């Protein structure tokens, strides 16, 4: 394989080169790098049309003796999505790889929740509640289980058949006892960790329904048209952390309704990167902590760099022709209209 050739790294290769525990470790290191100035996120951008949304995230990251730049982009439609991450060498702009990024995105979303849970949940947490049973849900349970030894999971989603199917999947994949809850209040009652991973358009969880010493991961609502929890949850929380404050200010309806849109009221919102770099644990007397995930390009890039370096080391990936330059055609085939 030509060392200069960029690589196409397929989804199957991504999952062969990294597991969830390694993803959590890489994301943690990437957030520490951000806190120290060795990684910089690109503000998330998105646009909507009647059939869906298009998204882009990115970052720069110094890793070892090398610096990388990466962006991930995708369109979300009713028919699905095909996310791709493009990786460049930051020193000369050379294309290094294009990674199929659906599994990578699941790793990213789960790993960030795992890092937040490890930092903010009680050390003796054993009971989890999850609201939502979609594509990201199983990985969300797995990441909490990776940092806290779960013995009980309560599951709520609006459709009983989805709850039943998901409980079976959790038992089969993770060996955790999972039981259905008839509503979100029943699910979260007494839970040490609560994860919200829905596409709800209205808040369904309030501060009054959450027990003491609980940590909440709010994952699902990443656009202004969606909301999972009410402002009472933010009023009660001792710590509110986000993976990307700029993205939360732009795209989180829940956060904007409480903290405002101009940034002046956001002084109490913590960056997850700063919390992780401080290496502390959950405050001893904390009642409620909340992590709001918006998606940060640093987490995507940290995982992509690890996968790319492993692919090079293991001679995986399909070589692509290096991009070449051609002069643009400047003579127009269009003729200006003749004067009237």
Protein backbone atom coordinates (compact mmCIF):
# COMPACT_ATOMS: atom_id res chain seq x y z
CA UNK A 1 0.00 0.00 0.00
CA UNK A 2 1.38 3.41 -0.99
CA UNK A 3 1.91 5.38 2.23
CA UNK A 4 0.99 8.56 0.33
CA UNK A 5 -2.37 7.29 -0.88
CA UNK A 6 -5.45 8.43 1.01
CA UNK A 7 -7.60 5.61 2.37
CA UNK A 8 -11.26 4.78 2.15
CA UNK A 9 -12.02 3.12 5.51
CA UNK A 10 -15.23 1.11 5.39
CA UNK A 11 -17.69 0.70 8.24
CA UNK A 12 -16.67 -2.91 8.79
CA UNK A 13 -13.04 -1.83 9.16
CA UNK A 14 -13.96 0.92 11.62
CA UNK A 15 -15.69 -1.52 13.97
CA UNK A 16 -12.82 -4.02 13.63
CA UNK A 17 -10.28 -1.41 14.73
CA UNK A 18 -11.97 0.15 17.78
CA UNK A 19 -14.41 -0.94 20.49
CA UNK A 20 -16.53 1.13 22.84
CA UNK A 21 -13.99 1.14 25.67
CA UNK A 22 -11.27 2.42 23.34
CA UNK A 23 -13.68 5.03 21.98
CA UNK A 24 -14.36 6.29 25.51
CA UNK A 25 -10.63 6.54 26.15
CA UNK A 26 -9.94 8.39 22.90
CA UNK A 27 -12.80 10.84 23.45
CA UNK A 28 -11.62 11.50 27.01
CA UNK A 29 -8.11 12.25 25.71
CA UNK A 30 -9.55 14.50 22.99
CA UNK A 31 -11.52 16.53 25.54
CA UNK A 32 -8.44 16.89 27.72
CA UNK A 33 -6.58 18.11 24.63
CA UNK A 34 -9.35 20.66 24.04
CA UNK A 35 -9.07 21.96 27.60
CA UNK A 36 -5.31 22.36 27.10
CA UNK A 37 -5.63 24.11 23.74
CA UNK A 38 -4.36 21.15 21.67
CA UNK A 39 -7.77 20.59 20.06
CA UNK A 40 -10.24 23.14 18.71
CA UNK A 41 -13.82 22.35 17.68
CA UNK A 42 -15.45 23.81 14.59
CA UNK A 43 -18.87 25.33 15.32
CA UNK A 44 -21.58 22.89 14.31
CA UNK A 45 -23.71 23.96 11.38
CA UNK A 46 -26.99 22.69 10.01
CA UNK A 47 -29.75 23.59 7.58
CA UNK A 48 -33.24 22.21 7.16
CA UNK A 49 -35.61 21.57 4.29
CA UNK A 50 -39.04 19.90 4.24
CA UNK A 51 -37.45 16.47 3.80
CA UNK A 52 -34.71 16.60 6.44
CA UNK A 53 -31.59 18.33 7.70
CA UNK A 54 -27.95 18.57 6.71
CA UNK A 55 -25.24 18.75 9.39
CA UNK A 56 -21.49 19.40 9.60
CA UNK A 57 -19.05 19.20 12.50
CA UNK A 58 -15.28 19.33 12.61
CA UNK A 59 -12.16 19.98 14.65
CA UNK A 60 -8.40 20.16 14.75
CA UNK A 61 -6.41 17.85 17.01
CA UNK A 62 -2.76 17.45 17.92
CA UNK A 63 -2.15 13.74 18.52
CA UNK A 64 1.36 12.64 19.44
CA UNK A 65 3.77 14.40 17.09
CA UNK A 66 1.17 14.97 14.38
CA UNK A 67 -1.73 17.36 13.86
CA UNK A 68 -4.98 16.44 12.13
CA UNK A 69 -8.03 18.23 10.76
CA UNK A 70 -11.35 16.50 10.19
CA UNK A 71 -14.94 17.20 9.29
CA UNK A 72 -17.99 14.96 9.42
CA UNK A 73 -21.05 15.74 7.35
CA UNK A 74 -24.36 14.03 6.72
CA UNK A 75 -27.95 14.62 5.71
CA UNK A 76 -30.71 13.22 7.90
CA UNK A 77 -33.81 12.20 5.96
CA UNK A 78 -36.79 9.95 6.45
CA UNK A 79 -34.99 7.43 4.27
CA UNK A 80 -31.82 7.41 6.34
CA UNK A 81 -28.39 9.03 6.37
CA UNK A 82 -24.86 8.35 5.07
CA UNK A 83 -22.37 10.21 7.26
CA UNK A 84 -18.77 10.51 6.08
CA UNK A 85 -15.72 11.85 7.91
CA UNK A 86 -12.89 13.41 5.91
CA UNK A 87 -9.44 13.49 7.51
CA UNK A 88 -6.52 15.72 6.49
CA UNK A 89 -2.96 16.30 7.65
CA UNK A 90 -2.97 19.70 9.37
CA UNK A 91 0.63 20.42 8.35
CA UNK A 92 0.13 20.35 4.58
CA UNK A 93 -3.60 19.86 3.99
CA UNK A 94 -3.02 16.44 2.41
CA UNK A 95 -6.05 14.16 2.30
CA UNK A 96 -5.42 11.16 4.56
CA UNK A 97 -8.69 9.26 4.64
CA UNK A 98 -12.42 9.19 4.16
CA UNK A 99 -14.21 7.12 6.81
CA UNK A 100 -17.71 5.71 6.61
CA UNK A 101 -19.06 7.19 9.81
CA UNK A 102 -22.37 5.72 10.92
CA UNK A 103 -20.81 3.34 13.47
CA UNK A 104 -18.19 5.98 14.23
CA UNK A 105 -21.00 8.39 15.09
CA UNK A 106 -22.58 5.80 17.40
CA UNK A 107 -19.21 5.33 19.09
CA UNK A 108 -18.85 9.12 19.39
CA UNK A 109 -22.29 9.74 20.85
CA UNK A 110 -21.99 6.84 23.27
CA UNK A 111 -18.41 7.62 24.29
CA UNK A 112 -19.17 11.25 25.15
CA UNK A 113 -22.03 10.06 27.38
CA UNK A 114 -19.68 7.55 28.97
CA UNK A 115 -17.12 10.23 29.73
CA UNK A 116 -19.82 12.53 31.17
CA UNK A 117 -21.31 9.72 33.27
CA UNK A 118 -17.90 8.72 34.60
CA UNK A 119 -17.25 12.31 35.63
CA UNK A 120 -20.69 13.22 37.02
CA UNK A 121 -22.57 10.10 38.17
CA UNK A 122 -22.31 8.70 41.69
CA UNK A 123 -19.45 6.24 42.02
CA UNK A 124 -21.83 3.58 43.34
CA UNK A 125 -24.47 4.00 40.61
CA UNK A 126 -26.06 0.67 39.65
CA UNK A 127 -29.54 1.56 38.37
CA UNK A 128 -30.23 3.22 35.03
CA UNK A 129 -33.33 4.45 33.25
CA UNK A 130 -33.47 5.07 29.52
CA UNK A 131 -36.20 6.96 27.70
CA UNK A 132 -36.10 6.09 24.02
CA UNK A 133 -35.32 2.84 22.23
CA UNK A 134 -34.06 4.01 18.83
CA UNK A 135 -30.80 3.39 16.99
CA UNK A 136 -28.59 5.07 19.60
CA UNK A 137 -30.23 3.60 22.71
CA UNK A 138 -28.40 0.29 23.10
CA UNK A 139 -25.00 1.97 22.81
CA UNK A 140 -26.10 4.48 25.44
CA UNK A 141 -26.82 1.67 27.89
CA UNK A 142 -23.53 -0.02 26.99
CA UNK A 143 -21.48 3.13 27.63
CA UNK A 144 -22.99 3.72 31.08
CA UNK A 145 -22.39 0.05 31.87
CA UNK A 146 -18.76 0.47 30.77
CA UNK A 147 -18.11 3.12 33.45
CA UNK A 148 -20.57 1.99 36.15
CA UNK A 149 -21.47 -1.63 36.97
CA UNK A 150 -25.20 -1.65 36.20
CA UNK A 151 -27.46 -4.32 37.59
CA UNK A 152 -30.86 -2.83 36.70
CA UNK A 153 -32.28 -0.98 33.70
CA UNK A 154 -35.77 0.45 33.31
CA UNK A 155 -36.95 1.20 29.79
CA UNK A 156 -39.61 3.57 28.52
CA UNK A 157 -40.71 4.48 25.03
CA UNK A 158 -44.23 5.26 23.82
CA UNK A 159 -44.77 1.91 22.08
CA UNK A 160 -44.95 -1.27 24.22
CA UNK A 161 -43.58 -3.42 21.40
CA UNK A 162 -40.48 -1.22 21.20
CA UNK A 163 -39.94 -1.50 24.95
CA UNK A 164 -40.27 -5.28 24.86
CA UNK A 165 -37.90 -5.65 21.93
CA UNK A 166 -35.32 -3.35 23.50
CA UNK A 167 -35.40 -5.13 26.87
CA UNK A 168 -34.62 -8.37 25.09
CA UNK A 169 -31.78 -6.76 23.14
CA UNK A 170 -30.23 -5.40 26.36
CA UNK A 171 -30.38 -8.78 28.07
CA UNK A 172 -28.86 -10.53 25.05
CA UNK A 173 -26.11 -7.99 24.35
CA UNK A 174 -25.14 -6.84 27.84
CA UNK A 175 -26.59 -9.34 30.32
CA UNK A 176 -28.35 -6.59 32.27
CA UNK A 177 -31.80 -7.15 33.76
CA UNK A 178 -34.11 -4.81 31.86
CA UNK A 179 -37.74 -4.11 32.69
CA UNK A 180 -40.41 -2.03 31.01
CA UNK A 181 -41.87 1.15 32.49
CA UNK A 182 -45.32 2.39 31.58
CA UNK A 183 -44.21 6.04 31.56
CA UNK A 184 -41.11 8.21 31.95
CA UNK A 185 -41.89 9.00 35.60
CA UNK A 186 -41.97 5.30 36.47
CA UNK A 187 -38.74 4.71 34.55
CA UNK A 188 -36.68 7.42 36.26
CA UNK A 189 -38.00 6.90 39.79
CA UNK A 190 -34.99 5.99 41.94
CA UNK A 191 -32.58 5.68 38.99
CA UNK A 192 -28.94 6.68 39.55
CA UNK A 193 -28.40 7.51 35.87
CA UNK A 194 -31.10 8.67 33.45
CA UNK A 195 -30.51 8.87 29.70
CA UNK A 196 -32.91 10.64 27.34
CA UNK A 197 -32.44 9.61 23.72
CA UNK A 198 -35.67 10.46 21.90
CA UNK A 199 -36.88 12.63 19.05
CA UNK A 200 -39.55 14.25 21.22
CA UNK A 201 -40.95 17.60 20.14
CA UNK A 202 -42.16 18.51 23.63
CA UNK A 203 -40.54 18.13 27.08
CA UNK A 204 -41.65 14.97 28.86
CA UNK A 205 -39.37 15.07 31.92
CA UNK A 206 -39.42 17.61 34.75
CA UNK A 207 -37.23 18.18 37.76
CA UNK A 208 -39.93 16.89 40.11
CA UNK A 209 -39.82 13.39 38.64
CA UNK A 210 -36.07 12.87 39.16
CA UNK A 211 -34.74 11.46 42.42
CA UNK A 212 -31.85 12.83 44.47
CA UNK A 213 -28.20 12.14 43.53
CA UNK A 214 -29.19 11.45 39.92
CA UNK A 215 -27.15 12.13 36.81
CA UNK A 216 -29.01 12.87 33.56
CA UNK A 217 -27.62 12.46 30.02
CA UNK A 218 -29.83 14.35 27.55
CA UNK A 219 -28.85 13.10 24.10
CA UNK A 220 -31.77 13.23 21.73
CA UNK A 221 -32.87 16.82 21.11
CA UNK A 222 -30.16 18.47 18.99
CA UNK A 223 -32.37 20.84 17.00
CA UNK A 224 -34.64 23.73 17.89
CA UNK A 225 -37.73 21.74 16.92
CA UNK A 226 -37.09 19.14 19.66
CA UNK A 227 -37.05 19.10 23.48
CA UNK A 228 -36.87 16.30 26.05
CA UNK A 229 -36.79 18.03 29.44
CA UNK A 230 -38.30 21.13 31.00
CA UNK A 231 -36.51 24.13 32.49
CA UNK A 232 -37.27 22.87 36.02
CA UNK A 233 -34.52 20.29 35.50
CA UNK A 234 -31.98 23.04 34.79
CA UNK A 235 -33.14 25.08 37.79
CA UNK A 236 -32.53 22.15 40.08
CA UNK A 237 -29.21 20.93 38.66
CA UNK A 238 -26.02 21.59 40.64
CA UNK A 239 -23.90 21.06 37.52
CA UNK A 240 -25.00 21.54 33.92
CA UNK A 241 -22.38 20.54 31.36
CA UNK A 242 -22.36 20.45 27.57
CA UNK A 243 -19.94 19.03 25.03
CA UNK A 244 -20.12 22.19 22.91
CA UNK A 245 -21.43 25.42 24.42
CA UNK A 246 -21.64 27.25 21.07
CA UNK A 247 -23.77 24.48 19.57
CA UNK A 248 -26.02 24.39 22.62
CA UNK A 249 -26.57 28.14 22.39
CA UNK A 250 -27.48 27.81 18.72
CA UNK A 251 -29.47 24.58 18.55
CA UNK A 252 -30.74 23.46 21.99
CA UNK A 253 -34.28 24.69 22.56
CA UNK A 254 -34.21 23.44 26.16
CA UNK A 255 -31.05 25.39 27.00
CA UNK A 256 -32.02 28.54 25.11
CA UNK A 257 -35.39 28.77 26.86
CA UNK A 258 -33.64 28.79 30.24
CA UNK A 259 -30.30 30.53 29.63
CA UNK A 260 -31.27 32.82 26.76
CA UNK A 261 -29.87 33.17 23.27
CA UNK A 262 -27.17 35.83 23.59
CA UNK A 263 -24.74 34.03 25.89
CA UNK A 264 -24.96 36.45 28.82
CA UNK A 265 -26.83 33.99 31.03
CA UNK A 266 -24.60 31.01 30.26
CA UNK A 267 -21.94 31.59 32.91
CA UNK A 268 -23.05 28.60 35.00
CA UNK A 269 -22.88 26.15 32.09
CA UNK A 270 -19.70 24.07 32.21
CA UNK A 271 -17.68 22.66 29.34
CA UNK A 272 -17.33 18.89 29.62
CA UNK A 273 -13.73 19.28 28.44
CA UNK A 274 -12.90 21.49 31.42
CA UNK A 275 -14.61 19.12 33.85
CA UNK A 276 -12.72 16.12 32.49
CA UNK A 277 -9.38 17.93 32.52
CA UNK A 278 -9.94 18.90 36.17
CA UNK A 279 -10.06 15.14 36.98
CA UNK A 280 -12.49 15.60 39.84
CA UNK A 281 -15.50 13.48 40.72
CA UNK A 282 -19.13 14.27 41.37
CA UNK A 283 -19.49 16.82 44.17
CA UNK A 284 -20.33 14.94 47.37
CA UNK A 285 -23.50 16.88 48.13
CA UNK A 286 -24.72 17.29 44.55
CA UNK A 287 -28.43 16.65 44.12
CA UNK A 288 -28.75 16.57 40.34
CA UNK A 289 -26.23 16.79 37.50
CA UNK A 290 -27.08 17.10 33.83
CA UNK A 291 -25.07 16.61 30.66
CA UNK A 292 -26.50 17.99 27.41
CA UNK A 293 -24.94 16.46 24.30
CA UNK A 294 -25.01 18.37 21.03
CA UNK A 295 -22.25 16.55 19.18
CA UNK A 296 -18.69 17.81 19.11
CA UNK A 297 -16.29 17.41 16.23
CA UNK A 298 -13.44 16.79 18.65
CA UNK A 299 -15.01 13.50 19.72
CA UNK A 300 -15.55 12.43 16.10
CA UNK A 301 -11.99 13.39 15.20
CA UNK A 302 -10.39 11.71 18.22
CA UNK A 303 -12.00 8.41 17.24
CA UNK A 304 -11.24 8.87 13.54
CA UNK A 305 -7.55 9.55 14.18
CA UNK A 306 -7.25 6.38 16.28
CA UNK A 307 -9.01 4.34 13.57
CA UNK A 308 -6.86 5.85 10.81
CA UNK A 309 -3.60 5.17 12.63
CA UNK A 310 -4.70 1.61 13.37
CA UNK A 311 -5.71 1.13 9.71
CA UNK A 312 -2.28 2.27 8.52
CA UNK A 313 -0.53 0.03 11.05
CA UNK A 314 -2.65 -2.98 10.08
CA UNK A 315 -2.63 -2.23 6.33
CA UNK A 316 -6.39 -1.86 6.14
CA UNK A 317 -8.46 0.53 4.08
CA UNK A 318 -8.79 0.87 0.31
CA UNK A 319 -6.20 3.19 -1.30
CA UNK A 320 -7.70 6.07 -3.24
CA UNK A 321 -6.06 8.05 -6.05
CA UNK A 322 -4.53 11.18 -4.50
CA UNK A 323 -6.50 14.28 -5.53
CA UNK A 324 -4.89 16.17 -8.40
CA UNK A 325 -5.32 19.71 -9.68
CA UNK A 326 -6.51 20.87 -13.06
CA UNK A 327 -6.81 24.36 -14.39
CA UNK A 328 -10.39 25.62 -14.56
CA UNK A 329 -11.85 26.40 -17.99
CA UNK A 330 -12.10 30.17 -18.02
CA UNK A 331 -13.47 30.68 -21.51
CA UNK A 332 -17.21 30.71 -21.06
CA UNK A 333 -19.41 28.68 -23.39
CA UNK A 334 -22.17 31.20 -22.73
CA UNK A 335 -22.31 34.22 -24.99
CA UNK A 336 -23.39 37.58 -23.57
CA UNK A 337 -26.62 38.88 -24.99
CA UNK A 338 -26.25 41.34 -27.83
CA UNK A 339 -27.09 44.96 -26.95
CA UNK A 340 -30.70 45.83 -27.67
